[in-house]
Amino acid sequence: METTKPDWVLALEAKHGLPIEQIPGSIYVLHFDEPTVVASVSRDYPHEPDPKGGGLRSLPIRHYVGWTQQADPRRRVYRHGRGMAQALAGVSTGTTLDEQEMKRTGCCPTCGDPLRPGD
């Protein structure tokens, strides 16, 4: 069964003439000393149905790995919530495939713990 791509993915693919997996961008890592709720997390991270209805609610996490096409990745980090820039542990170049690989096999540049969602 094929899933429908979000509008932001379709727009980037049209802009670059490439599938999302081949579009270069920045991968960023957020590190939190205490588990923290991060706004706009993907389904890769622990979540539960929002009791208020209409979607999912994020659960506290210690690490978040994201991908952005923005020239300054901090602009994307700010969208995760107030004070998130202080949690920025690292930025590297890569694609969404590289982001997924980092989530599976990477370690936090700050604490050395695995970046796997749920760890």
PDB file of N, CA and C in Angstrom:
ATOM      1  N   MET A   1       0.844  -1.181   0.000  1.00  0.00           N
ATOM      2  CA  MET A   1       0.000   0.000   0.000  1.00  0.00           C
ATOM      3  C   MET A   1       0.892   1.248   0.000  1.00  0.00           C
ATOM      4  N   GLU A   2       0.691   2.137  -0.923  1.00  0.00           N
ATOM      5  CA  GLU A   2       1.477   3.364  -1.027  1.00  0.00           C
ATOM      6  C   GLU A   2       0.872   4.434  -0.127  1.00  0.00           C
ATOM      7  N   THR A   3       1.734   5.130   0.606  1.00  0.00           N
ATOM      8  CA  THR A   3       1.256   6.209   1.464  1.00  0.00           C
ATOM      9  C   THR A   3       1.344   7.528   0.711  1.00  0.00           C
ATOM     10  N   THR A   4       0.463   8.440   1.048  1.00  0.00           N
ATOM     11  CA  THR A   4       0.453   9.759   0.445  1.00  0.00           C
ATOM     12  C   THR A   4       1.516  10.613   1.109  1.00  0.00           C
ATOM     13  N   LYS A   5       2.293  11.306   0.312  1.00  0.00           N
ATOM     14  CA  LYS A   5       3.345  12.170   0.843  1.00  0.00           C
ATOM     15  C   LYS A   5       2.731  13.483   1.317  1.00  0.00           C
ATOM     16  N   PRO A   6       3.277  14.027   2.420  1.00  0.00           N
ATOM     17  CA  PRO A   6       2.797  15.336   2.886  1.00  0.00           C
ATOM     18  C   PRO A   6       3.076  16.424   1.845  1.00  0.00           C
ATOM     19  N   ASP A   7       2.324  17.503   1.921  1.00  0.00           N
ATOM     20  CA  ASP A   7       2.473  18.610   0.968  1.00  0.00           C
ATOM     21  C   ASP A   7       3.891  19.175   0.957  1.00  0.00           C
ATOM     22  N   TRP A   8       4.540  19.266   2.134  1.00  0.00           N
ATOM     23  CA  TRP A   8       5.889  19.835   2.182  1.00  0.00           C
ATOM     24  C   TRP A   8       6.873  18.968   1.402  1.00  0.00           C
ATOM     25  N   VAL A   9       6.674  17.651   1.423  1.00  0.00           N
ATOM     26  CA  VAL A   9       7.546  16.747   0.669  1.00  0.00           C
ATOM     27  C   VAL A   9       7.304  16.928  -0.827  1.00  0.00           C
ATOM     28  N   LEU A  10       6.042  16.972  -1.235  1.00  0.00           N
ATOM     29  CA  LEU A  10       5.715  17.167  -2.649  1.00  0.00           C
ATOM     30  C   LEU A  10       6.284  18.487  -3.169  1.00  0.00           C
ATOM     31  N   ALA A  11       6.208  19.535  -2.352  1.00  0.00           N
ATOM     32  CA  ALA A  11       6.736  20.847  -2.766  1.00  0.00           C
ATOM     33  C   ALA A  11       8.250  20.795  -2.943  1.00  0.00           C
ATOM     34  N   LEU A  12       8.972  20.159  -2.017  1.00  0.00           N
ATOM     35  CA  LEU A  12      10.428  20.054  -2.141  1.00  0.00           C
ATOM     36  C   LEU A  12      10.828  19.207  -3.345  1.00  0.00           C
ATOM     37  N   GLU A  13      10.124  18.109  -3.567  1.00  0.00           N
ATOM     38  CA  GLU A  13      10.430  17.263  -4.719  1.00  0.00           C
ATOM     39  C   GLU A  13      10.211  18.020  -6.025  1.00  0.00           C
ATOM     40  N   ALA A  14       9.150  18.813  -6.095  1.00  0.00           N
ATOM     41  CA  ALA A  14       8.880  19.606  -7.299  1.00  0.00           C
ATOM     42  C   ALA A  14       9.955  20.680  -7.487  1.00  0.00           C
ATOM     43  N   LYS A  15      10.354  21.314  -6.406  1.00  0.00           N
ATOM     44  CA  LYS A  15      11.358  22.371  -6.470  1.00  0.00           C
ATOM     45  C   LYS A  15      12.704  21.841  -6.959  1.00  0.00           C
ATOM     46  N   HIS A  16      13.110  20.673  -6.473  1.00  0.00           N
ATOM     47  CA  HIS A  16      14.433  20.129  -6.777  1.00  0.00           C
ATOM     48  C   HIS A  16      14.441  19.119  -7.925  1.00  0.00           C
ATOM     49  N   GLY A  17      13.264  18.624  -8.313  1.00  0.00           N
ATOM     50  CA  GLY A  17      13.208  17.612  -9.357  1.00  0.00           C
ATOM     51  C   GLY A  17      13.834  16.293  -8.926  1.00  0.00           C
ATOM     52  N   LEU A  18      13.825  16.027  -7.628  1.00  0.00           N
ATOM     53  CA  LEU A  18      14.411  14.814  -7.064  1.00  0.00           C
ATOM     54  C   LEU A  18      13.461  14.227  -6.031  1.00  0.00           C
ATOM     55  N   PRO A  19      13.555  12.919  -5.790  1.00  0.00           N
ATOM     56  CA  PRO A  19      12.795  12.357  -4.671  1.00  0.00           C
ATOM     57  C   PRO A  19      13.367  12.891  -3.350  1.00  0.00           C
ATOM     58  N   ILE A  20      12.534  12.981  -2.335  1.00  0.00           N
ATOM     59  CA  ILE A  20      12.937  13.550  -1.047  1.00  0.00           C
ATOM     60  C   ILE A  20      14.202  12.890  -0.513  1.00  0.00           C
ATOM     61  N   GLU A  21      14.367  11.607  -0.755  1.00  0.00           N
ATOM     62  CA  GLU A  21      15.517  10.863  -0.236  1.00  0.00           C
ATOM     63  C   GLU A  21      16.845  11.309  -0.839  1.00  0.00           C
ATOM     64  N   GLN A  22      16.805  12.075  -1.926  1.00  0.00           N
ATOM     65  CA  GLN A  22      18.033  12.513  -2.601  1.00  0.00           C
ATOM     66  C   GLN A  22      18.307  14.013  -2.445  1.00  0.00           C
ATOM     67  N   ILE A  23      17.434  14.717  -1.768  1.00  0.00           N
ATOM     68  CA  ILE A  23      17.590  16.160  -1.626  1.00  0.00           C
ATOM     69  C   ILE A  23      18.531  16.452  -0.451  1.00  0.00           C
ATOM     70  N   PRO A  24      19.615  17.201  -0.692  1.00  0.00           N
ATOM     71  CA  PRO A  24      20.540  17.502   0.408  1.00  0.00           C
ATOM     72  C   PRO A  24      19.954  18.525   1.376  1.00  0.00           C
ATOM     73  N   GLY A  25      20.378  18.408   2.614  1.00  0.00           N
ATOM     74  CA  GLY A  25      19.935  19.323   3.654  1.00  0.00           C
ATOM     75  C   GLY A  25      20.841  19.208   4.856  1.00  0.00           C
ATOM     76  N   SER A  26      20.322  19.551   6.011  1.00  0.00           N
ATOM     77  CA  SER A  26      21.068  19.467   7.268  1.00  0.00           C
ATOM     78  C   SER A  26      20.347  18.533   8.223  1.00  0.00           C
ATOM     79  N   ILE A  27      21.128  17.688   8.881  1.00  0.00           N
ATOM     80  CA  ILE A  27      20.615  16.815   9.928  1.00  0.00           C
ATOM     81  C   ILE A  27      21.057  17.431  11.251  1.00  0.00           C
ATOM     82  N   TYR A  28      20.132  17.554  12.178  1.00  0.00           N
ATOM     83  CA  TYR A  28      20.465  18.150  13.470  1.00  0.00           C
ATOM     84  C   TYR A  28      20.091  17.199  14.600  1.00  0.00           C
ATOM     85  N   VAL A  29      20.845  17.306  15.682  1.00  0.00           N
ATOM     86  CA  VAL A  29      20.626  16.480  16.866  1.00  0.00           C
ATOM     87  C   VAL A  29      20.348  17.393  18.043  1.00  0.00           C
ATOM     88  N   LEU A  30      19.264  17.105  18.753  1.00  0.00           N
ATOM     89  CA  LEU A  30      18.955  17.806  19.989  1.00  0.00           C
ATOM     90  C   LEU A  30      19.214  16.860  21.156  1.00  0.00           C
ATOM     91  N   HIS A  31      19.833  17.372  22.217  1.00  0.00           N
ATOM     92  CA  HIS A  31      20.120  16.595  23.422  1.00  0.00           C
ATOM     93  C   HIS A  31      19.480  17.302  24.607  1.00  0.00           C
ATOM     94  N   PHE A  32      18.785  16.531  25.436  1.00  0.00           N
ATOM     95  CA  PHE A  32      18.153  17.070  26.643  1.00  0.00           C
ATOM     96  C   PHE A  32      18.671  16.297  27.853  1.00  0.00           C
ATOM     97  N   ASP A  33      19.145  17.013  28.881  1.00  0.00           N
ATOM     98  CA  ASP A  33      19.593  16.348  30.104  1.00  0.00           C
ATOM     99  C   ASP A  33      18.428  15.625  30.775  1.00  0.00           C
ATOM    100  N   GLU A  34      17.267  16.240  30.755  1.00  0.00           N
ATOM    101  CA  GLU A  34      16.042  15.646  31.291  1.00  0.00           C
ATOM    102  C   GLU A  34      15.081  15.398  30.135  1.00  0.00           C
ATOM    103  N   PRO A  35      14.348  14.278  30.152  1.00  0.00           N
ATOM    104  CA  PRO A  35      13.377  14.036  29.079  1.00  0.00           C
ATOM    105  C   PRO A  35      12.460  15.244  28.890  1.00  0.00           C
ATOM    106  N   THR A  36      12.278  15.627  27.631  1.00  0.00           N
ATOM    107  CA  THR A  36      11.576  16.855  27.269  1.00  0.00           C
ATOM    108  C   THR A  36      10.584  16.570  26.155  1.00  0.00           C
ATOM    109  N   VAL A  37       9.437  17.212  26.203  1.00  0.00           N
ATOM    110  CA  VAL A  37       8.465  17.120  25.114  1.00  0.00           C
ATOM    111  C   VAL A  37       8.901  18.084  24.025  1.00  0.00           C
ATOM    112  N   VAL A  38       9.019  17.570  22.800  1.00  0.00           N
ATOM    113  CA  VAL A  38       9.436  18.360  21.651  1.00  0.00           C
ATOM    114  C   VAL A  38       8.241  18.489  20.710  1.00  0.00           C
ATOM    115  N   ALA A  39       7.909  19.719  20.339  1.00  0.00           N
ATOM    116  CA  ALA A  39       6.788  19.952  19.422  1.00  0.00           C
ATOM    117  C   ALA A  39       7.137  19.463  18.023  1.00  0.00           C
ATOM    118  N   SER A  40       6.149  19.030  17.308  1.00  0.00           N
ATOM    119  CA  SER A  40       6.232  18.605  15.908  1.00  0.00           C
ATOM    120  C   SER A  40       7.220  17.471  15.678  1.00  0.00           C
ATOM    121  N   VAL A  41       7.138  16.445  16.507  1.00  0.00           N
ATOM    122  CA  VAL A  41       7.985  15.276  16.294  1.00  0.00           C
ATOM    123  C   VAL A  41       7.309  14.328  15.322  1.00  0.00           C
ATOM    124  N   SER A  42       8.108  13.494  14.688  1.00  0.00           N
ATOM    125  CA  SER A  42       7.574  12.521  13.750  1.00  0.00           C
ATOM    126  C   SER A  42       7.058  11.299  14.486  1.00  0.00           C
ATOM    127  N   ARG A  43       6.412  10.411  13.779  1.00  0.00           N
ATOM    128  CA  ARG A  43       5.917   9.175  14.361  1.00  0.00           C
ATOM    129  C   ARG A  43       7.060   8.240  14.765  1.00  0.00           C
ATOM    130  N   ASP A  44       8.301   8.584  14.419  1.00  0.00           N
ATOM    131  CA  ASP A  44       9.455   7.782  14.834  1.00  0.00           C
ATOM    132  C   ASP A  44       9.635   7.824  16.350  1.00  0.00           C
ATOM    133  N   TYR A  45       9.105   8.847  16.987  1.00  0.00           N
ATOM    134  CA  TYR A  45       9.334   9.068  18.407  1.00  0.00           C
ATOM    135  C   TYR A  45       8.117   8.660  19.223  1.00  0.00           C
ATOM    136  N   PRO A  46       8.331   8.379  20.521  1.00  0.00           N
ATOM    137  CA  PRO A  46       7.209   7.976  21.368  1.00  0.00           C
ATOM    138  C   PRO A  46       6.096   9.017  21.351  1.00  0.00           C
ATOM    139  N   HIS A  47       4.886   8.532  21.160  1.00  0.00           N
ATOM    140  CA  HIS A  47       3.725   9.407  21.136  1.00  0.00           C
ATOM    141  C   HIS A  47       2.505   8.607  21.578  1.00  0.00           C
ATOM    142  N   GLU A  48       1.432   9.298  21.817  1.00  0.00           N
ATOM    143  CA  GLU A  48       0.171   8.663  22.193  1.00  0.00           C
ATOM    144  C   GLU A  48      -0.962   9.484  21.602  1.00  0.00           C
ATOM    145  N   PRO A  49      -2.144   8.895  21.510  1.00  0.00           N
ATOM    146  CA  PRO A  49      -3.274   9.691  21.019  1.00  0.00           C
ATOM    147  C   PRO A  49      -3.521  10.885  21.939  1.00  0.00           C
ATOM    148  N   ASP A  50      -3.784  12.028  21.339  1.00  0.00           N
ATOM    149  CA  ASP A  50      -4.063  13.225  22.122  1.00  0.00           C
ATOM    150  C   ASP A  50      -5.464  13.089  22.712  1.00  0.00           C
ATOM    151  N   PRO A  51      -5.592  13.122  24.046  1.00  0.00           N
ATOM    152  CA  PRO A  51      -6.923  12.976  24.645  1.00  0.00           C
ATOM    153  C   PRO A  51      -7.876  14.097  24.252  1.00  0.00           C
ATOM    154  N   LYS A  52      -7.333  15.218  23.773  1.00  0.00           N
ATOM    155  CA  LYS A  52      -8.177  16.322  23.318  1.00  0.00           C
ATOM    156  C   LYS A  52      -8.683  16.077  21.902  1.00  0.00           C
ATOM    157  N   GLY A  53      -8.190  14.985  21.293  1.00  0.00           N
ATOM    158  CA  GLY A  53      -8.634  14.613  19.952  1.00  0.00           C
ATOM    159  C   GLY A  53      -7.798  15.250  18.864  1.00  0.00           C
ATOM    160  N   GLY A  54      -7.953  14.719  17.656  1.00  0.00           N
ATOM    161  CA  GLY A  54      -7.351  15.328  16.491  1.00  0.00           C
ATOM    162  C   GLY A  54      -5.923  14.962  16.184  1.00  0.00           C
ATOM    163  N   GLY A  55      -5.360  13.965  16.832  1.00  0.00           N
ATOM    164  CA  GLY A  55      -3.998  13.616  16.451  1.00  0.00           C
ATOM    165  C   GLY A  55      -3.214  12.947  17.554  1.00  0.00           C
ATOM    166  N   LEU A  56      -1.928  13.227  17.540  1.00  0.00           N
ATOM    167  CA  LEU A  56      -1.008  12.596  18.473  1.00  0.00           C
ATOM    168  C   LEU A  56      -0.399  13.623  19.411  1.00  0.00           C
ATOM    169  N   ARG A  57      -0.004  13.143  20.573  1.00  0.00           N
ATOM    170  CA  ARG A  57       0.683  13.984  21.544  1.00  0.00           C
ATOM    171  C   ARG A  57       2.063  13.371  21.781  1.00  0.00           C
ATOM    172  N   SER A  58       3.087  14.200  21.711  1.00  0.00           N
ATOM    173  CA  SER A  58       4.457  13.744  21.912  1.00  0.00           C
ATOM    174  C   SER A  58       4.704  13.429  23.372  1.00  0.00           C
ATOM    175  N   LEU A  59       5.563  12.438  23.604  1.00  0.00           N
ATOM    176  CA  LEU A  59       5.990  12.093  24.946  1.00  0.00           C
ATOM    177  C   LEU A  59       7.409  12.610  25.162  1.00  0.00           C
ATOM    178  N   PRO A  60       7.841  12.762  26.403  1.00  0.00           N
ATOM    179  CA  PRO A  60       9.188  13.278  26.668  1.00  0.00           C
ATOM    180  C   PRO A  60      10.280  12.370  26.089  1.00  0.00           C
ATOM    181  N   ILE A  61      11.319  13.001  25.525  1.00  0.00           N
ATOM    182  CA  ILE A  61      12.449  12.281  24.931  1.00  0.00           C
ATOM    183  C   ILE A  61      13.756  12.936  25.382  1.00  0.00           C
ATOM    184  N   ARG A  62      14.868  12.195  25.263  1.00  0.00           N
ATOM    185  CA  ARG A  62      16.186  12.750  25.605  1.00  0.00           C
ATOM    186  C   ARG A  62      16.943  13.212  24.371  1.00  0.00           C
ATOM    187  N   HIS A  63      16.613  12.651  23.202  1.00  0.00           N
ATOM    188  CA  HIS A  63      17.298  13.015  21.958  1.00  0.00           C
ATOM    189  C   HIS A  63      16.285  13.129  20.829  1.00  0.00           C
ATOM    190  N   TYR A  64      16.580  14.036  19.916  1.00  0.00           N
ATOM    191  CA  TYR A  64      15.764  14.175  18.710  1.00  0.00           C
ATOM    192  C   TYR A  64      16.702  14.401  17.542  1.00  0.00           C
ATOM    193  N   VAL A  65      16.447  13.688  16.457  1.00  0.00           N
ATOM    194  CA  VAL A  65      17.204  13.868  15.216  1.00  0.00           C
ATOM    195  C   VAL A  65      16.225  14.348  14.157  1.00  0.00           C
ATOM    196  N   GLY A  66      16.555  15.443  13.498  1.00  0.00           N
ATOM    197  CA  GLY A  66      15.687  16.000  12.475  1.00  0.00           C
ATOM    198  C   GLY A  66      16.456  16.379  11.227  1.00  0.00           C
ATOM    199  N   TRP A  67      15.730  16.686  10.175  1.00  0.00           N
ATOM    200  CA  TRP A  67      16.311  17.079   8.890  1.00  0.00           C
ATOM    201  C   TRP A  67      15.618  18.353   8.441  1.00  0.00           C
ATOM    202  N   THR A  68      16.374  19.245   7.849  1.00  0.00           N
ATOM    203  CA  THR A  68      15.796  20.480   7.317  1.00  0.00           C
ATOM    204  C   THR A  68      16.547  20.904   6.065  1.00  0.00           C
ATOM    205  N   GLN A  69      15.867  21.650   5.255  1.00  0.00           N
ATOM    206  CA  GLN A  69      16.467  22.257   4.066  1.00  0.00           C
ATOM    207  C   GLN A  69      16.789  23.723   4.310  1.00  0.00           C
ATOM    208  N   GLN A  70      16.437  24.238   5.464  1.00  0.00           N
ATOM    209  CA  GLN A  70      16.685  25.643   5.755  1.00  0.00           C
ATOM    210  C   GLN A  70      18.192  25.902   5.836  1.00  0.00           C
ATOM    211  N   ALA A  71      18.623  27.044   5.308  1.00  0.00           N
ATOM    212  CA  ALA A  71      20.045  27.390   5.298  1.00  0.00           C
ATOM    213  C   ALA A  71      20.617  27.444   6.711  1.00  0.00           C
ATOM    214  N   ASP A  72      19.837  27.928   7.655  1.00  0.00           N
ATOM    215  CA  ASP A  72      20.252  27.959   9.058  1.00  0.00           C
ATOM    216  C   ASP A  72      19.372  26.965   9.818  1.00  0.00           C
ATOM    217  N   PRO A  73      19.889  25.771  10.143  1.00  0.00           N
ATOM    218  CA  PRO A  73      19.075  24.739  10.817  1.00  0.00           C
ATOM    219  C   PRO A  73      18.459  25.208  12.132  1.00  0.00           C
ATOM    220  N   ARG A  74      19.045  26.220  12.768  1.00  0.00           N
ATOM    221  CA  ARG A  74      18.468  26.715  14.021  1.00  0.00           C
ATOM    222  C   ARG A  74      17.055  27.240  13.811  1.00  0.00           C
ATOM    223  N   ARG A  75      16.762  27.750  12.601  1.00  0.00           N
ATOM    224  CA  ARG A  75      15.398  28.228  12.321  1.00  0.00           C
ATOM    225  C   ARG A  75      14.399  27.088  12.446  1.00  0.00           C
ATOM    226  N   ARG A  76      14.777  25.896  11.997  1.00  0.00           N
ATOM    227  CA  ARG A  76      13.899  24.731  12.137  1.00  0.00           C
ATOM    228  C   ARG A  76      13.829  24.291  13.591  1.00  0.00           C
ATOM    229  N   VAL A  77      14.963  24.324  14.277  1.00  0.00           N
ATOM    230  CA  VAL A  77      15.014  23.905  15.680  1.00  0.00           C
ATOM    231  C   VAL A  77      14.063  24.754  16.525  1.00  0.00           C
ATOM    232  N   TYR A  78      13.986  26.048  16.268  1.00  0.00           N
ATOM    233  CA  TYR A  78      13.096  26.931  17.020  1.00  0.00           C
ATOM    234  C   TYR A  78      11.642  26.482  16.926  1.00  0.00           C
ATOM    235  N   ARG A  79      11.272  25.839  15.833  1.00  0.00           N
ATOM    236  CA  ARG A  79       9.883  25.404  15.662  1.00  0.00           C
ATOM    237  C   ARG A  79       9.523  24.242  16.589  1.00  0.00           C
ATOM    238  N   HIS A  80      10.522  23.609  17.182  1.00  0.00           N
ATOM    239  CA  HIS A  80      10.250  22.507  18.115  1.00  0.00           C
ATOM    240  C   HIS A  80       9.843  23.010  19.497  1.00  0.00           C
ATOM    241  N   GLY A  81      10.025  24.283  19.766  1.00  0.00           N
ATOM    242  CA  GLY A  81       9.586  24.836  21.037  1.00  0.00           C
ATOM    243  C   GLY A  81      10.577  25.824  21.614  1.00  0.00           C
ATOM    244  N   ARG A  82      10.123  26.528  22.604  1.00  0.00           N
ATOM    245  CA  ARG A  82      10.932  27.549  23.280  1.00  0.00           C
ATOM    246  C   ARG A  82      12.170  26.905  23.912  1.00  0.00           C
ATOM    247  N   GLY A  83      13.309  27.546  23.735  1.00  0.00           N
ATOM    248  CA  GLY A  83      14.541  27.095  24.364  1.00  0.00           C
ATOM    249  C   GLY A  83      15.233  25.934  23.678  1.00  0.00           C
ATOM    250  N   MET A  84      14.750  25.513  22.517  1.00  0.00           N
ATOM    251  CA  MET A  84      15.329  24.339  21.858  1.00  0.00           C
ATOM    252  C   MET A  84      16.731  24.597  21.299  1.00  0.00           C
ATOM    253  N   ALA A  85      17.055  25.852  21.000  1.00  0.00           N
ATOM    254  CA  ALA A  85      18.380  26.147  20.445  1.00  0.00           C
ATOM    255  C   ALA A  85      19.492  25.730  21.408  1.00  0.00           C
ATOM    256  N   GLN A  86      19.230  25.828  22.716  1.00  0.00           N
ATOM    257  CA  GLN A  86      20.228  25.429  23.701  1.00  0.00           C
ATOM    258  C   GLN A  86      20.456  23.917  23.684  1.00  0.00           C
ATOM    259  N   ALA A  87      19.514  23.168  23.155  1.00  0.00           N
ATOM    260  CA  ALA A  87      19.615  21.706  23.111  1.00  0.00           C
ATOM    261  C   ALA A  87      20.349  21.221  21.862  1.00  0.00           C
ATOM    262  N   LEU A  88      20.672  22.122  20.939  1.00  0.00           N
ATOM    263  CA  LEU A  88      21.318  21.720  19.686  1.00  0.00           C
ATOM    264  C   LEU A  88      22.705  21.146  19.976  1.00  0.00           C
ATOM    265  N   ALA A  89      22.868  19.849  19.702  1.00  0.00           N
ATOM    266  CA  ALA A  89      24.120  19.150  20.014  1.00  0.00           C
ATOM    267  C   ALA A  89      25.009  18.984  18.798  1.00  0.00           C
ATOM    268  N   GLY A  90      24.436  19.034  17.600  1.00  0.00           N
ATOM    269  CA  GLY A  90      25.245  18.863  16.406  1.00  0.00           C
ATOM    270  C   GLY A  90      24.449  19.035  15.137  1.00  0.00           C
ATOM    271  N   VAL A  91      25.157  19.406  14.067  1.00  0.00           N
ATOM    272  CA  VAL A  91      24.559  19.580  12.741  1.00  0.00           C
ATOM    273  C   VAL A  91      25.521  18.982  11.723  1.00  0.00           C
ATOM    274  N   SER A  92      24.984  18.228  10.762  1.00  0.00           N
ATOM    275  CA  SER A  92      25.789  17.694   9.665  1.00  0.00           C
ATOM    276  C   SER A  92      24.970  17.755   8.391  1.00  0.00           C
ATOM    277  N   THR A  93      25.623  17.635   7.250  1.00  0.00           N
ATOM    278  CA  THR A  93      24.896  17.632   5.984  1.00  0.00           C
ATOM    279  C   THR A  93      24.443  16.215   5.678  1.00  0.00           C
ATOM    280  N   GLY A  94      23.337  16.117   4.952  1.00  0.00           N
ATOM    281  CA  GLY A  94      22.836  14.805   4.560  1.00  0.00           C
ATOM    282  C   GLY A  94      21.423  14.861   4.042  1.00  0.00           C
ATOM    283  N   THR A  95      20.919  13.705   3.690  1.00  0.00           N
ATOM    284  CA  THR A  95      19.566  13.543   3.157  1.00  0.00           C
ATOM    285  C   THR A  95      18.653  12.962   4.235  1.00  0.00           C
ATOM    286  N   THR A  96      17.385  12.804   3.894  1.00  0.00           N
ATOM    287  CA  THR A  96      16.464  12.174   4.840  1.00  0.00           C
ATOM    288  C   THR A  96      16.848  10.712   5.080  1.00  0.00           C
ATOM    289  N   LEU A  97      17.472  10.073   4.096  1.00  0.00           N
ATOM    290  CA  LEU A  97      17.961   8.701   4.320  1.00  0.00           C
ATOM    291  C   LEU A  97      19.088   8.705   5.353  1.00  0.00           C
ATOM    292  N   ASP A  98      19.974   9.698   5.274  1.00  0.00           N
ATOM    293  CA  ASP A  98      21.044   9.827   6.265  1.00  0.00           C
ATOM    294  C   ASP A  98      20.460  10.092   7.659  1.00  0.00           C
ATOM    295  N   GLU A  99      19.395  10.881   7.700  1.00  0.00           N
ATOM    296  CA  GLU A  99      18.718  11.160   8.973  1.00  0.00           C
ATOM    297  C   GLU A  99      18.200   9.861   9.589  1.00  0.00           C
ATOM    298  N   GLN A 100      17.532   9.046   8.773  1.00  0.00           N
ATOM    299  CA  GLN A 100      16.997   7.776   9.276  1.00  0.00           C
ATOM    300  C   GLN A 100      18.114   6.854   9.761  1.00  0.00           C
ATOM    301  N   GLU A 101      19.227   6.828   9.030  1.00  0.00           N
ATOM    302  CA  GLU A 101      20.374   6.010   9.435  1.00  0.00           C
ATOM    303  C   GLU A 101      20.943   6.507  10.766  1.00  0.00           C
ATOM    304  N   MET A 102      21.029   7.818  10.933  1.00  0.00           N
ATOM    305  CA  MET A 102      21.530   8.377  12.184  1.00  0.00           C
ATOM    306  C   MET A 102      20.610   7.995  13.338  1.00  0.00           C
ATOM    307  N   LYS A 103      19.302   8.022  13.103  1.00  0.00           N
ATOM    308  CA  LYS A 103      18.355   7.630  14.147  1.00  0.00           C
ATOM    309  C   LYS A 103      18.567   6.177  14.555  1.00  0.00           C
ATOM    310  N   ARG A 104      18.898   5.321  13.592  1.00  0.00           N
ATOM    311  CA  ARG A 104      19.078   3.886  13.880  1.00  0.00           C
ATOM    312  C   ARG A 104      20.426   3.576  14.526  1.00  0.00           C
ATOM    313  N   THR A 105      21.491   4.256  14.077  1.00  0.00           N
ATOM    314  CA  THR A 105      22.831   3.817  14.462  1.00  0.00           C
ATOM    315  C   THR A 105      23.691   4.887  15.133  1.00  0.00           C
ATOM    316  N   GLY A 106      23.240   6.141  15.146  1.00  0.00           N
ATOM    317  CA  GLY A 106      24.077   7.223  15.652  1.00  0.00           C
ATOM    318  C   GLY A 106      24.103   7.331  17.164  1.00  0.00           C
ATOM    319  N   CYS A 107      25.084   8.092  17.647  1.00  0.00           N
ATOM    320  CA  CYS A 107      25.222   8.391  19.071  1.00  0.00           C
ATOM    321  C   CYS A 107      25.225   9.903  19.258  1.00  0.00           C
ATOM    322  N   CYS A 108      24.744  10.345  20.378  1.00  0.00           N
ATOM    323  CA  CYS A 108      24.662  11.762  20.695  1.00  0.00           C
ATOM    324  C   CYS A 108      26.055  12.360  20.844  1.00  0.00           C
ATOM    325  N   PRO A 109      26.333  13.482  20.172  1.00  0.00           N
ATOM    326  CA  PRO A 109      27.628  14.137  20.308  1.00  0.00           C
ATOM    327  C   PRO A 109      27.869  14.690  21.716  1.00  0.00           C
ATOM    328  N   THR A 110      26.818  14.911  22.488  1.00  0.00           N
ATOM    329  CA  THR A 110      26.958  15.465  23.833  1.00  0.00           C
ATOM    330  C   THR A 110      27.215  14.384  24.883  1.00  0.00           C
ATOM    331  N   CYS A 111      26.397  13.316  24.866  1.00  0.00           N
ATOM    332  CA  CYS A 111      26.489  12.322  25.946  1.00  0.00           C
ATOM    333  C   CYS A 111      26.966  10.950  25.489  1.00  0.00           C
ATOM    334  N   GLY A 112      26.971  10.706  24.178  1.00  0.00           N
ATOM    335  CA  GLY A 112      27.418   9.414  23.660  1.00  0.00           C
ATOM    336  C   GLY A 112      26.368   8.326  23.665  1.00  0.00           C
ATOM    337  N   ASP A 113      25.163   8.611  24.171  1.00  0.00           N
ATOM    338  CA  ASP A 113      24.098   7.613  24.183  1.00  0.00           C
ATOM    339  C   ASP A 113      23.525   7.415  22.776  1.00  0.00           C
ATOM    340  N   PRO A 114      22.926   6.250  22.528  1.00  0.00           N
ATOM    341  CA  PRO A 114      22.308   6.010  21.206  1.00  0.00           C
ATOM    342  C   PRO A 114      21.204   7.018  20.928  1.00  0.00           C
ATOM    343  N   LEU A 115      21.033   7.329  19.658  1.00  0.00           N
ATOM    344  CA  LEU A 115      19.997   8.284  19.238  1.00  0.00           C
ATOM    345  C   LEU A 115      18.695   7.595  18.853  1.00  0.00           C
ATOM    346  N   ARG A 116      18.642   6.273  18.935  1.00  0.00           N
ATOM    347  CA  ARG A 116      17.436   5.537  18.550  1.00  0.00           C
ATOM    348  C   ARG A 116      16.224   6.082  19.298  1.00  0.00           C
ATOM    349  N   PRO A 117      15.147   6.393  18.557  1.00  0.00           N
ATOM    350  CA  PRO A 117      13.927   6.836  19.227  1.00  0.00           C
ATOM    351  C   PRO A 117      13.466   5.773  20.226  1.00  0.00           C
ATOM    352  N   GLY A 118      13.102   6.227  21.407  1.00  0.00           N
ATOM    353  CA  GLY A 118      12.631   5.309  22.439  1.00  0.00           C
ATOM    354  C   GLY A 118      13.711   4.889  23.401  1.00  0.00           C
ATOM    355  N   ASP A 119      14.978   5.159  23.080  1.00  0.00           N
ATOM    356  CA  ASP A 119      16.076   4.827  23.993  1.00  0.00           C
ATOM    357  C   ASP A 119      16.261   5.921  25.014  1.00  0.00           C
TER     358      ASP A 119
END
